[in-house]
Amino acid sequence: MWKPAFVSRQVYNNPLPISLNTVVGLTEEARQMIRELEQYREVAPKGTIDFLYRLSDLVRDKRFLHISSVRYGGGMAEILRRIVPIMKTMGIEASWEVIAGTQEFNDVTRRITDGLQGREETITEEMYQIYLDVNARNAKALNLDADLIFVHDPQPAALVDHRKGGTWVWRCHLDAGQPYRPVWSLFRRHVLKYDAAVFSLPGFAQRLPIPKFLLYPSIDPLTEKNRELSRGEILQVLDRFGIARGKPILLQVARFDRFKDQIGTIRAYRMAKKHHPCQLILAGSGVLHDSEGEAVLAEVQQAAENDPDIHVLQLPPEADREINALQRGATIVVQRALKEGFGVAVSESMWKGKPVIGGTTGGVSAQIVDGATGFIVHSVEGAAFRIRYLLSNPGVMTRMGALGKEHVRRNFLTTRHLGDYLTMVKLLCPE
């Protein structure tokens, strides 16, 4: 049975801003975090910050632990890098641990991840034992003492086999709605040991005898990846990558992965280019220690060969400012994948006032209001048609961009995400 994790949107008329002069014993770092927290009042819906203060009072005696496989790269890591410090700023005891693995472990978990997303993958007993052994070593190395332990994605999921106390929640950021059954049957044994599971969309989940929560991911408007940039900062990045000025820019931001279908985006661009001069940027990461990612990158580079208007950019995980500038410099953003998680790049782009053309997979269609903030398409040809339409109607692009930013403000900011987390904690860890 589904349990909502969304907080009430009640507006409080009595704001409770923290006075830094009245709080004793704060470090300068803590004071800076409080100042940043207060800055959310300028971007979040009215009353949100005061509501978060009240929610934090209800769970302040609880200890939170987040566990993931990476600290950089991907939407999940970006969310945790902001939410955990904010929780600490609000007086909540929160921490974040990252497991250590090997190349063999990474290869096996890649197979598990792809299998949970529907790809036929063979995982032998020897491979799975590598997965179990690495999780067992991490269970001994990490301090798992907390009231609520959030374990993110498949990589550290087997840590639950070594639980000693607390409430354990598996946070699945993947679309596991139609997994490859042999892989799901193997992996399900771990999920059943959790007290609850959290998914980004109902369609991402499987039937489970434990409580399931729905929690949309989010973006942080104050980070380097989403903060306002001057025109000079944007042009500096575009010039560095050799992006021509004055020609419409189509942009896809996604790691180099077969599910992201950069080849399909190139095809859509070429169809649209027959009618409108434009250029395409394919910006991504994900090839470090990833043999398949390297192969996909090579295929994309080959498909783009001899076209000076296609820019294939391999960015490091910490290239937040560059992605920000590319999204703000883009004319249209295309996020059409064959398989997708929630796809927060959609909300990132809409926050920057850009119309987004997306597919029907994952959470893309949950973020785009079709015909209002962008378009949902079902094919490469459909993407090309919508690109042509938008390039022919700049007024529509402007209107969609404005609507998209307000849509994100109300539904996909970090402040809403944090409220959902705190509400869920209160439900799972009552007094």
Protein backbone atom coordinates (compact mmCIF):
# COMPACT_ATOMS: atom_id res chain seq x y z
CA MET A 1 0.00 0.00 0.00
CA TRP A 2 1.32 3.43 -0.93
CA LYS A 3 1.87 6.02 1.78
CA PRO A 4 2.25 9.67 0.76
CA ALA A 5 5.45 11.39 1.80
CA PHE A 6 4.37 14.83 0.61
CA VAL A 7 4.09 17.54 3.23
CA SER A 8 1.14 19.85 3.59
CA ARG A 9 1.53 23.11 1.71
CA GLN A 10 0.12 25.07 4.65
CA VAL A 11 1.34 28.68 4.77
CA TYR A 12 2.41 30.15 8.10
CA ASN A 13 1.91 33.85 8.64
CA ASN A 14 4.34 34.15 11.55
CA PRO A 15 7.86 33.74 10.15
CA LEU A 16 10.52 32.48 12.52
CA PRO A 17 13.86 33.53 11.02
CA ILE A 18 16.90 32.58 13.05
CA SER A 19 18.77 35.50 14.60
CA LEU A 20 22.48 34.72 14.39
CA ASN A 21 23.13 37.15 17.24
CA THR A 22 21.05 35.12 19.69
CA VAL A 23 22.49 31.66 18.96
CA VAL A 24 25.50 30.77 21.11
CA GLY A 25 28.37 28.48 20.14
CA LEU A 26 27.93 28.48 16.36
CA THR A 27 30.97 28.07 14.16
CA GLU A 28 31.38 30.40 11.20
CA GLU A 29 30.56 27.48 8.90
CA ALA A 30 27.30 26.90 10.77
CA ARG A 31 26.44 30.59 10.62
CA GLN A 32 27.02 30.54 6.87
CA MET A 33 24.71 27.53 6.49
CA ILE A 34 21.99 29.33 8.45
CA ARG A 35 22.39 32.36 6.21
CA GLU A 36 22.03 30.08 3.18
CA LEU A 37 18.95 28.43 4.67
CA GLU A 38 17.35 31.82 5.11
CA GLN A 39 18.10 32.58 1.44
CA TYR A 40 15.60 29.90 0.45
CA ARG A 41 12.85 32.30 1.55
CA GLU A 42 13.58 34.27 -1.62
CA VAL A 43 12.99 31.30 -3.96
CA ALA A 44 10.70 28.82 -2.19
CA PRO A 45 6.92 29.24 -1.94
CA LYS A 46 5.81 31.49 0.91
CA GLY A 47 5.76 29.83 4.33
CA THR A 48 7.91 26.86 3.32
CA ILE A 49 10.94 27.64 5.50
CA ASP A 50 8.86 28.26 8.61
CA PHE A 51 7.09 24.96 8.05
CA LEU A 52 10.46 23.19 7.81
CA TYR A 53 11.55 24.66 11.15
CA ARG A 54 8.40 23.28 12.76
CA LEU A 55 8.88 19.85 11.18
CA SER A 56 12.50 19.73 12.34
CA ASP A 57 11.36 20.32 15.93
CA LEU A 58 9.33 17.09 15.72
CA VAL A 59 12.31 14.90 14.76
CA ARG A 60 15.24 16.68 16.39
CA ASP A 61 15.93 13.80 18.77
CA LYS A 62 16.43 11.31 15.90
CA ARG A 63 19.71 10.35 14.27
CA PHE A 64 19.73 10.08 10.47
CA LEU A 65 22.20 8.19 8.32
CA HIS A 66 22.31 8.22 4.51
CA ILE A 67 24.42 5.60 2.71
CA SER A 68 25.27 5.66 -1.00
CA SER A 69 27.94 4.41 -3.39
CA VAL A 70 29.13 7.80 -4.68
CA ARG A 71 29.56 11.31 -3.30
CA TYR A 72 29.71 13.00 -6.70
CA GLY A 73 27.94 12.33 -9.98
CA GLY A 74 24.21 11.85 -10.51
CA GLY A 75 21.11 13.48 -9.08
CA MET A 76 21.06 11.41 -5.90
CA ALA A 77 24.52 12.58 -4.80
CA GLU A 78 23.64 16.19 -5.61
CA ILE A 79 20.53 15.98 -3.45
CA LEU A 80 22.39 14.48 -0.48
CA ARG A 81 25.21 17.02 -0.71
CA ARG A 82 22.65 19.71 0.07
CA ILE A 83 20.00 18.03 2.21
CA VAL A 84 22.37 16.56 4.81
CA PRO A 85 24.09 19.92 5.63
CA ILE A 86 20.70 21.66 5.73
CA MET A 87 19.40 19.07 8.21
CA LYS A 88 22.46 19.69 10.38
CA THR A 89 21.85 23.43 10.19
CA MET A 90 18.33 22.90 11.47
CA GLY A 91 19.68 21.08 14.52
CA ILE A 92 19.08 17.54 13.25
CA GLU A 93 21.78 14.91 13.74
CA ALA A 94 22.41 13.72 10.19
CA SER A 95 25.35 12.07 8.43
CA TRP A 96 26.22 10.57 5.06
CA GLU A 97 28.51 7.61 4.43
CA VAL A 98 29.81 6.30 1.09
CA ILE A 99 30.72 2.64 0.65
CA ALA A 100 34.09 1.54 -0.75
CA GLY A 101 34.17 -0.91 -3.64
CA THR A 102 36.39 -2.49 -6.27
CA GLN A 103 36.29 -2.47 -10.05
CA GLU A 104 34.80 -5.98 -9.95
CA PHE A 105 32.13 -4.72 -7.56
CA ASN A 106 31.37 -1.79 -9.87
CA ASP A 107 30.99 -4.16 -12.82
CA VAL A 108 28.59 -6.41 -10.91
CA THR A 109 26.48 -3.55 -9.57
CA ARG A 110 26.26 -2.12 -13.09
CA ARG A 111 24.73 -5.43 -14.17
CA ILE A 112 22.35 -5.38 -11.20
CA THR A 113 21.33 -1.79 -11.93
CA ASP A 114 20.74 -2.48 -15.63
CA GLY A 115 18.83 -5.66 -14.80
CA LEU A 116 16.55 -3.82 -12.39
CA GLN A 117 15.85 -1.37 -15.21
CA GLY A 118 14.83 -4.15 -17.59
CA ARG A 119 17.96 -5.17 -19.47
CA GLU A 120 18.71 -8.89 -19.75
CA GLU A 121 21.80 -9.43 -17.64
CA THR A 122 23.57 -12.60 -16.55
CA ILE A 123 24.79 -12.56 -12.96
CA THR A 124 26.60 -15.69 -11.84
CA GLU A 125 26.90 -16.91 -8.26
CA GLU A 126 30.54 -15.84 -8.27
CA MET A 127 29.58 -12.32 -9.41
CA TYR A 128 26.89 -12.00 -6.77
CA GLN A 129 29.27 -13.20 -4.08
CA ILE A 130 31.54 -10.25 -4.94
CA TYR A 131 28.55 -7.96 -4.33
CA LEU A 132 27.79 -9.60 -0.99
CA ASP A 133 31.41 -9.63 0.18
CA VAL A 134 31.95 -5.91 -0.51
CA ASN A 135 28.76 -5.03 1.35
CA ALA A 136 29.82 -7.23 4.27
CA ARG A 137 33.20 -5.46 4.50
CA ASN A 138 31.50 -2.07 4.43
CA ALA A 139 29.07 -3.14 7.14
CA LYS A 140 32.05 -3.75 9.42
CA ALA A 141 33.81 -0.52 8.45
CA LEU A 142 30.85 1.87 8.72
CA ASN A 143 29.10 3.12 11.83
CA LEU A 144 25.51 2.04 11.20
CA ASP A 145 24.22 3.26 14.55
CA ALA A 146 21.26 5.56 13.79
CA ASP A 147 17.53 5.78 14.35
CA LEU A 148 16.78 5.92 10.62
CA ILE A 149 19.09 4.57 7.92
CA PHE A 150 18.41 5.54 4.29
CA VAL A 151 20.23 3.24 1.86
CA HIS A 152 20.32 4.64 -1.66
CA ASP A 153 20.08 2.44 -4.77
CA PRO A 154 21.27 -1.16 -5.33
CA GLN A 155 25.00 -0.81 -4.64
CA PRO A 156 24.84 -0.69 -0.80
CA ALA A 157 21.45 -2.41 -0.48
CA ALA A 158 22.89 -5.65 0.95
CA LEU A 159 24.11 -3.75 4.03
CA VAL A 160 20.68 -4.49 5.47
CA ASP A 161 21.77 -8.12 5.85
CA HIS A 162 23.97 -6.88 8.69
CA ARG A 163 21.50 -4.57 10.44
CA LYS A 164 21.54 -4.45 14.22
CA GLY A 165 19.04 -1.74 15.04
CA GLY A 166 17.18 1.29 13.80
CA THR A 167 14.63 1.67 11.02
CA TRP A 168 16.00 0.82 7.58
CA VAL A 169 14.63 2.37 4.39
CA TRP A 170 15.69 1.49 0.85
CA ARG A 171 15.60 4.55 -1.42
CA CYS A 172 15.37 3.40 -5.05
CA HIS A 173 16.19 6.17 -7.54
CA LEU A 174 15.82 3.79 -10.51
CA ASP A 175 12.87 2.82 -12.66
CA ALA A 176 12.48 -0.76 -11.43
CA GLY A 177 8.92 -1.08 -12.67
CA GLN A 178 9.73 -3.67 -15.34
CA PRO A 179 12.92 -5.41 -14.23
CA TYR A 180 14.58 -8.41 -15.78
CA ARG A 181 12.96 -11.04 -13.57
CA PRO A 182 16.00 -13.22 -12.79
CA VAL A 183 17.87 -10.16 -11.50
CA TRP A 184 14.89 -8.91 -9.47
CA SER A 185 14.38 -12.36 -7.93
CA LEU A 186 18.02 -12.36 -6.84
CA PHE A 187 17.94 -8.82 -5.47
CA ARG A 188 14.48 -8.88 -3.87
CA ARG A 189 15.74 -10.87 -0.88
CA HIS A 190 17.53 -7.76 0.39
CA VAL A 191 14.63 -5.36 -0.17
CA LEU A 192 12.34 -7.55 1.93
CA LYS A 193 14.59 -7.01 4.95
CA TYR A 194 13.92 -3.25 4.94
CA ASP A 195 11.20 -1.59 7.00
CA ALA A 196 10.07 0.53 4.03
CA ALA A 197 10.99 1.41 0.46
CA VAL A 198 10.89 4.78 -1.27
CA PHE A 199 10.36 5.27 -5.01
CA SER A 200 10.27 8.36 -7.21
CA LEU A 201 7.10 7.30 -9.04
CA PRO A 202 4.47 4.57 -8.52
CA GLY A 203 5.44 3.02 -11.85
CA PHE A 204 9.03 2.58 -10.66
CA ALA A 205 8.07 0.09 -7.93
CA GLN A 206 7.41 -3.62 -7.54
CA ARG A 207 4.88 -5.39 -5.36
CA LEU A 208 6.33 -5.55 -1.86
CA PRO A 209 4.95 -6.58 1.53
CA ILE A 210 6.61 -3.58 3.20
CA PRO A 211 5.35 0.04 3.25
CA LYS A 212 6.14 2.03 0.10
CA PHE A 213 6.53 5.80 -0.07
CA LEU A 214 6.43 8.15 -3.03
CA LEU A 215 9.02 10.94 -2.96
CA TYR A 216 9.91 13.13 -5.92
CA PRO A 217 13.59 14.10 -6.26
CA SER A 218 14.45 17.79 -6.39
CA ILE A 219 16.97 20.44 -7.38
CA ASP A 220 18.66 23.03 -5.20
CA PRO A 221 18.32 26.55 -6.63
CA LEU A 222 21.26 27.92 -4.61
CA THR A 223 23.98 25.49 -5.71
CA GLU A 224 26.66 26.19 -8.28
CA LYS A 225 24.67 24.08 -10.74
CA ASN A 226 21.48 26.13 -10.46
CA ARG A 227 22.38 29.62 -9.18
CA GLU A 228 21.92 32.65 -11.37
CA LEU A 229 24.79 33.34 -13.78
CA SER A 230 25.65 36.56 -15.54
CA ARG A 231 25.64 36.64 -19.32
CA GLY A 232 29.40 37.02 -19.19
CA GLU A 233 29.78 33.81 -17.16
CA ILE A 234 27.56 31.92 -19.62
CA LEU A 235 29.41 33.17 -22.69
CA GLN A 236 32.77 32.37 -21.11
CA VAL A 237 31.82 28.69 -20.82
CA LEU A 238 30.31 28.55 -24.31
CA ASP A 239 33.44 30.12 -25.79
CA ARG A 240 35.68 27.69 -23.93
CA PHE A 241 33.87 24.75 -25.53
CA GLY A 242 33.83 26.34 -28.97
CA ILE A 243 30.06 26.86 -29.08
CA ALA A 244 29.13 29.39 -31.76
CA ARG A 245 27.21 32.50 -30.69
CA GLY A 246 24.08 33.53 -32.53
CA LYS A 247 23.01 30.04 -33.59
CA PRO A 248 20.23 28.20 -31.66
CA ILE A 249 21.57 25.58 -29.25
CA LEU A 250 19.95 22.21 -28.62
CA LEU A 251 21.23 20.57 -25.44
CA GLN A 252 21.10 17.13 -23.85
CA VAL A 253 22.73 16.62 -20.45
CA ALA A 254 23.10 12.94 -19.60
CA ARG A 255 25.82 10.43 -18.81
CA PHE A 256 27.04 8.38 -21.76
CA ASP A 257 24.79 5.36 -21.42
CA ARG A 258 22.85 3.37 -24.00
CA PHE A 259 19.61 4.11 -22.17
CA LYS A 260 20.17 7.87 -22.69
CA ASP A 261 20.08 7.46 -26.50
CA GLN A 262 22.37 10.30 -27.52
CA ILE A 263 22.37 8.73 -31.01
CA GLY A 264 18.61 9.32 -31.21
CA THR A 265 19.11 12.95 -30.21
CA ILE A 266 21.64 13.37 -33.02
CA ARG A 267 19.07 12.00 -35.47
CA ALA A 268 16.41 14.43 -34.23
CA TYR A 269 18.85 17.33 -34.52
CA ARG A 270 19.72 16.41 -38.10
CA MET A 271 16.05 16.27 -39.07
CA ALA A 272 15.41 19.69 -37.52
CA LYS A 273 18.56 21.20 -39.03
CA LYS A 274 17.16 20.66 -42.53
CA HIS A 275 14.65 23.42 -41.71
CA HIS A 276 16.46 25.60 -39.12
CA PRO A 277 20.16 26.30 -38.59
CA CYS A 278 21.08 25.02 -35.15
CA GLN A 279 23.80 23.26 -33.18
CA LEU A 280 23.73 20.37 -30.72
CA ILE A 281 25.57 19.91 -27.42
CA LEU A 282 25.73 16.45 -25.87
CA ALA A 283 27.19 16.96 -22.39
CA GLY A 284 27.76 14.02 -20.11
CA SER A 285 30.00 12.06 -17.82
CA GLY A 286 30.01 8.51 -16.58
CA VAL A 287 32.88 6.90 -18.50
CA LEU A 288 35.46 6.78 -15.69
CA HIS A 289 36.00 3.11 -14.71
CA ASP A 290 33.05 2.24 -16.96
CA SER A 291 33.90 0.19 -20.03
CA GLU A 292 30.37 0.40 -21.42
CA GLY A 293 30.30 4.17 -20.94
CA GLU A 294 33.54 4.44 -22.88
CA ALA A 295 32.03 2.38 -25.70
CA VAL A 296 28.91 4.55 -25.82
CA LEU A 297 31.00 7.73 -25.86
CA ALA A 298 33.01 6.36 -28.79
CA GLU A 299 29.81 5.53 -30.69
CA VAL A 300 28.41 9.02 -30.08
CA GLN A 301 31.65 10.64 -31.23
CA GLN A 302 31.60 8.51 -34.37
CA ALA A 303 27.96 9.44 -35.09
CA ALA A 304 28.84 13.14 -34.69
CA GLU A 305 31.94 12.94 -36.88
CA ASN A 306 32.41 15.58 -39.57
CA ASP A 307 29.63 17.83 -38.21
CA PRO A 308 31.19 20.95 -36.64
CA ASP A 309 27.82 21.88 -35.12
CA ILE A 310 27.72 18.79 -32.88
CA HIS A 311 29.70 19.24 -29.66
CA VAL A 312 30.28 16.07 -27.60
CA LEU A 313 31.52 17.14 -24.17
CA GLN A 314 32.87 14.68 -21.63
CA LEU A 315 32.60 16.55 -18.33
CA PRO A 316 34.02 15.62 -14.92
CA PRO A 317 31.54 14.91 -12.09
CA GLU A 318 32.21 18.30 -10.47
CA ALA A 319 31.43 20.37 -13.60
CA ASP A 320 28.37 22.00 -12.02
CA ARG A 321 29.13 25.52 -13.18
CA GLU A 322 29.69 24.34 -16.75
CA ILE A 323 26.38 22.46 -16.82
CA ASN A 324 24.62 25.50 -15.37
CA ALA A 325 26.06 27.72 -18.11
CA LEU A 326 25.22 25.22 -20.87
CA GLN A 327 21.61 24.94 -19.68
CA ARG A 328 21.25 28.72 -19.42
CA GLY A 329 22.87 29.19 -22.81
CA ALA A 330 20.68 26.60 -24.52
CA THR A 331 17.69 27.49 -26.67
CA ILE A 332 15.90 24.15 -26.25
CA VAL A 333 16.73 21.23 -23.95
CA VAL A 334 16.11 17.68 -25.16
CA GLN A 335 15.91 14.97 -22.47
CA ARG A 336 14.59 11.97 -24.40
CA ALA A 337 15.91 8.65 -23.08
CA LEU A 338 15.01 5.02 -23.70
CA LYS A 339 15.11 4.38 -19.95
CA GLU A 340 15.27 7.02 -17.25
CA GLY A 341 15.17 7.42 -13.52
CA PHE A 342 13.44 10.59 -12.43
CA GLY A 343 15.64 12.75 -14.65
CA VAL A 344 16.19 15.90 -12.59
CA ALA A 345 17.97 17.51 -15.55
CA VAL A 346 14.44 18.31 -16.73
CA SER A 347 13.71 20.41 -13.63
CA GLU A 348 17.18 21.97 -13.76
CA SER A 349 16.49 23.18 -17.29
CA MET A 350 12.97 24.42 -16.56
CA TRP A 351 14.30 26.33 -13.52
CA LYS A 352 16.52 28.19 -15.99
CA GLY A 353 13.54 29.14 -18.11
CA LYS A 354 14.08 26.66 -20.93
CA PRO A 355 11.41 24.66 -22.79
CA VAL A 356 12.12 20.94 -22.48
CA ILE A 357 11.35 18.22 -25.01
CA GLY A 358 11.25 14.89 -23.20
CA GLY A 359 10.17 11.30 -23.67
CA THR A 360 7.65 9.18 -21.84
CA THR A 361 10.13 7.18 -19.76
CA GLY A 362 10.91 7.62 -16.09
CA GLY A 363 9.99 10.81 -14.32
CA VAL A 364 10.38 13.05 -17.36
CA SER A 365 6.65 13.10 -18.10
CA ALA A 366 5.92 13.74 -14.40
CA GLN A 367 7.90 16.98 -14.57
CA ILE A 368 6.88 18.35 -17.97
CA VAL A 369 3.38 19.78 -18.33
CA ASP A 370 2.84 18.82 -21.96
CA GLY A 371 2.15 21.86 -24.10
CA ALA A 372 2.74 24.28 -21.20
CA THR A 373 6.33 23.86 -19.95
CA GLY A 374 7.55 21.77 -22.87
CA PHE A 375 6.53 18.78 -24.95
CA ILE A 376 6.38 15.04 -24.34
CA VAL A 377 7.26 13.07 -27.47
CA HIS A 378 7.15 9.39 -28.38
CA SER A 379 9.79 9.15 -31.09
CA VAL A 380 12.86 10.71 -32.64
CA GLU A 381 10.63 12.12 -35.36
CA GLY A 382 8.35 13.65 -32.73
CA ALA A 383 11.31 15.33 -31.06
CA ALA A 384 12.46 16.75 -34.40
CA PHE A 385 8.96 18.08 -35.11
CA ARG A 386 8.77 19.87 -31.74
CA ILE A 387 12.27 21.32 -32.18
CA ARG A 388 11.18 22.78 -35.51
CA TYR A 389 7.97 24.13 -33.99
CA LEU A 390 9.74 25.88 -31.11
CA LEU A 391 12.47 27.36 -33.30
CA SER A 392 9.70 28.79 -35.49
CA ASN A 393 7.84 30.26 -32.48
CA PRO A 394 10.19 32.11 -30.10
CA GLY A 395 7.24 33.59 -28.21
CA VAL A 396 6.07 30.10 -27.30
CA MET A 397 9.56 29.27 -26.00
CA THR A 398 9.54 32.36 -23.76
CA ARG A 399 6.11 31.56 -22.36
CA MET A 400 6.99 27.91 -21.74
CA GLY A 401 10.19 28.92 -19.99
CA ALA A 402 8.37 31.19 -17.55
CA LEU A 403 5.72 28.57 -16.77
CA GLY A 404 8.38 25.91 -16.32
CA LYS A 405 10.30 27.91 -13.73
CA GLU A 406 7.19 28.51 -11.63
CA HIS A 407 6.23 24.83 -11.94
CA VAL A 408 9.62 23.82 -10.53
CA ARG A 409 9.38 26.42 -7.74
CA ARG A 410 6.16 24.87 -6.50
CA ASN A 411 7.01 21.20 -6.92
CA PHE A 412 10.68 20.30 -7.36
CA LEU A 413 12.89 22.39 -5.05
CA THR A 414 15.05 21.02 -2.23
CA THR A 415 12.83 22.65 0.38
CA ARG A 416 9.89 20.50 -0.64
CA HIS A 417 12.11 17.42 -0.72
CA LEU A 418 13.38 18.04 2.80
CA GLY A 419 9.85 18.48 4.07
CA ASP A 420 8.91 15.14 2.53
CA TYR A 421 11.87 13.45 4.23
CA LEU A 422 11.02 14.89 7.64
CA THR A 423 7.37 13.93 7.30
CA MET A 424 8.31 10.38 6.38
CA VAL A 425 10.67 10.15 9.33
CA LYS A 426 7.92 11.23 11.69
CA LEU A 427 5.69 8.48 10.28
CA LEU A 428 8.34 5.76 10.48
CA CYS A 429 9.86 6.73 13.85
CA PRO A 430 7.01 7.75 16.14
CA GLU A 431 7.67 8.47 19.79
